Protein backbone atom coordinates (compact mmCIF):
# COMPACT_ATOMS: atom_id res chain seq x y z
CA UNK A 1 37.18 27.69 22.99
CA UNK A 2 34.29 30.13 21.88
CA UNK A 3 35.45 32.97 19.52
CA UNK A 4 33.66 36.31 19.59
CA UNK A 5 32.84 37.67 16.23
CA UNK A 6 34.05 41.12 15.42
CA UNK A 7 31.58 43.95 15.49
CA UNK A 8 29.87 44.59 12.27
CA UNK A 9 29.59 48.08 10.73
CA UNK A 10 26.16 49.50 9.78
CA UNK A 11 26.62 48.76 6.35
CA UNK A 12 27.65 45.17 6.97
CA UNK A 13 24.50 44.77 9.18
CA UNK A 14 22.33 46.33 6.56
CA UNK A 15 23.86 43.84 3.82
CA UNK A 16 23.41 40.78 6.16
CA UNK A 17 19.93 41.71 6.99
CA UNK A 18 18.72 42.02 3.35
CA UNK A 19 20.57 39.03 2.29
CA UNK A 20 18.61 37.05 4.84
CA UNK A 21 15.23 38.57 4.40
CA UNK A 22 15.65 37.83 0.67
CA UNK A 23 16.34 34.23 1.38
CA UNK A 24 13.23 34.10 3.55
CA UNK A 25 11.19 35.92 1.01
CA UNK A 26 12.55 33.57 -1.73
CA UNK A 27 11.17 30.61 0.47
CA UNK A 28 7.90 32.06 0.95
CA UNK A 29 7.30 32.87 -2.89
CA UNK A 30 8.39 29.01 -3.40
CA UNK A 31 5.80 27.87 -0.82
CA UNK A 32 3.18 30.14 -2.47
CA UNK A 33 3.79 28.84 -5.96
CA UNK A 34 3.79 25.29 -4.66
CA UNK A 35 0.32 25.86 -3.24
CA UNK A 36 -0.94 27.36 -6.23
CA UNK A 37 0.36 24.95 -8.62
CA UNK A 38 -0.34 21.69 -6.77
CA UNK A 39 -3.87 23.00 -6.10
CA UNK A 40 -4.50 23.45 -9.74
CA UNK A 41 -2.91 20.11 -10.58
CA UNK A 42 -5.36 18.42 -7.98
CA UNK A 43 -8.25 20.18 -9.53
CA UNK A 44 -7.16 19.18 -13.07
CA UNK A 45 -6.91 15.60 -12.26
CA UNK A 46 -10.16 15.75 -10.42
CA UNK A 47 -12.04 17.25 -13.33
CA UNK A 48 -10.39 15.23 -16.00
CA UNK A 49 -10.23 11.77 -14.49
CA UNK A 50 -12.66 11.84 -11.58
CA UNK A 51 -9.81 11.00 -9.10
CA UNK A 52 -6.63 12.57 -8.39
CA UNK A 53 -4.25 9.86 -7.63
CA UNK A 54 -1.40 10.96 -9.96
CA UNK A 55 -1.44 14.60 -8.56
CA UNK A 56 -0.09 13.40 -5.42
CA UNK A 57 3.32 12.59 -7.00
CA UNK A 58 4.45 15.94 -8.10
CA UNK A 59 3.08 17.49 -4.79
CA UNK A 60 5.44 14.87 -2.87
CA UNK A 61 8.37 15.51 -5.00
CA UNK A 62 8.09 19.15 -4.94
CA UNK A 63 7.21 19.20 -1.33
CA UNK A 64 10.63 17.53 -0.51
CA UNK A 65 12.43 20.23 -2.52
CA UNK A 66 10.40 22.80 -0.60
CA UNK A 67 11.33 21.19 2.87
CA UNK A 68 15.10 21.11 1.79
CA UNK A 69 14.74 24.77 0.64
CA UNK A 70 13.11 25.66 4.19
CA UNK A 71 15.88 23.70 5.96
CA UNK A 72 18.67 25.60 4.04
CA UNK A 73 17.10 28.96 4.68
CA UNK A 74 15.61 28.54 8.29
CA UNK A 75 17.65 26.03 9.92
CA UNK A 76 21.12 25.91 8.09
CA UNK A 77 20.84 29.66 7.03
CA UNK A 78 23.55 32.26 8.09
CA UNK A 79 23.35 32.90 11.82
CA UNK A 80 21.74 29.62 12.85
CA UNK A 81 23.56 28.00 16.10
CA UNK A 82 24.12 24.81 13.72
CA UNK A 83 25.94 26.81 11.17
CA UNK A 84 28.04 28.83 13.59
CA UNK A 85 29.04 25.62 15.35
CA UNK A 86 30.08 23.97 12.03
CA UNK A 87 31.84 27.20 11.02
CA UNK A 88 33.76 27.22 14.41
CA UNK A 89 34.69 23.59 14.10
CA UNK A 90 35.97 24.01 10.50
CA UNK A 91 37.99 26.94 11.57
CA UNK A 92 39.70 25.28 14.39
CA UNK A 93 40.38 22.31 12.47
CA UNK A 94 42.08 24.46 9.68
CA UNK A 95 44.06 26.57 12.20
CA UNK A 96 45.38 23.28 13.72
CA UNK A 97 46.20 21.80 10.36
CA UNK A 98 48.24 24.98 9.50
CA UNK A 99 49.79 25.11 13.07
CA UNK A 100 48.67 28.85 13.42
CA UNK A 101 47.31 30.85 16.22
CA UNK A 102 43.52 31.38 15.77
CA UNK A 103 42.97 34.97 14.92
CA UNK A 104 39.17 34.64 15.78
């Protein structure tokens, strides 16, 4: 049971496009800060101790957070096929539980 989305007004399209672009820009800024800070940590560790063993740990921890942020923005973000599928399933389940006719 595939439900067509009602057409969006130009204002809604503009608002949604801005929101999605802002989410992507947020990730790119996050990735840039990650690269700069972890490069500085690596250089500081090398200069201070002659090896960079400890600087790997912040990079790995933060890298996991960066990957999760990217997953949220690019894979699970609004408009993704996975998100639409999950929304459709949730909507169908709620309609069934309420015994209502699905308006979508």
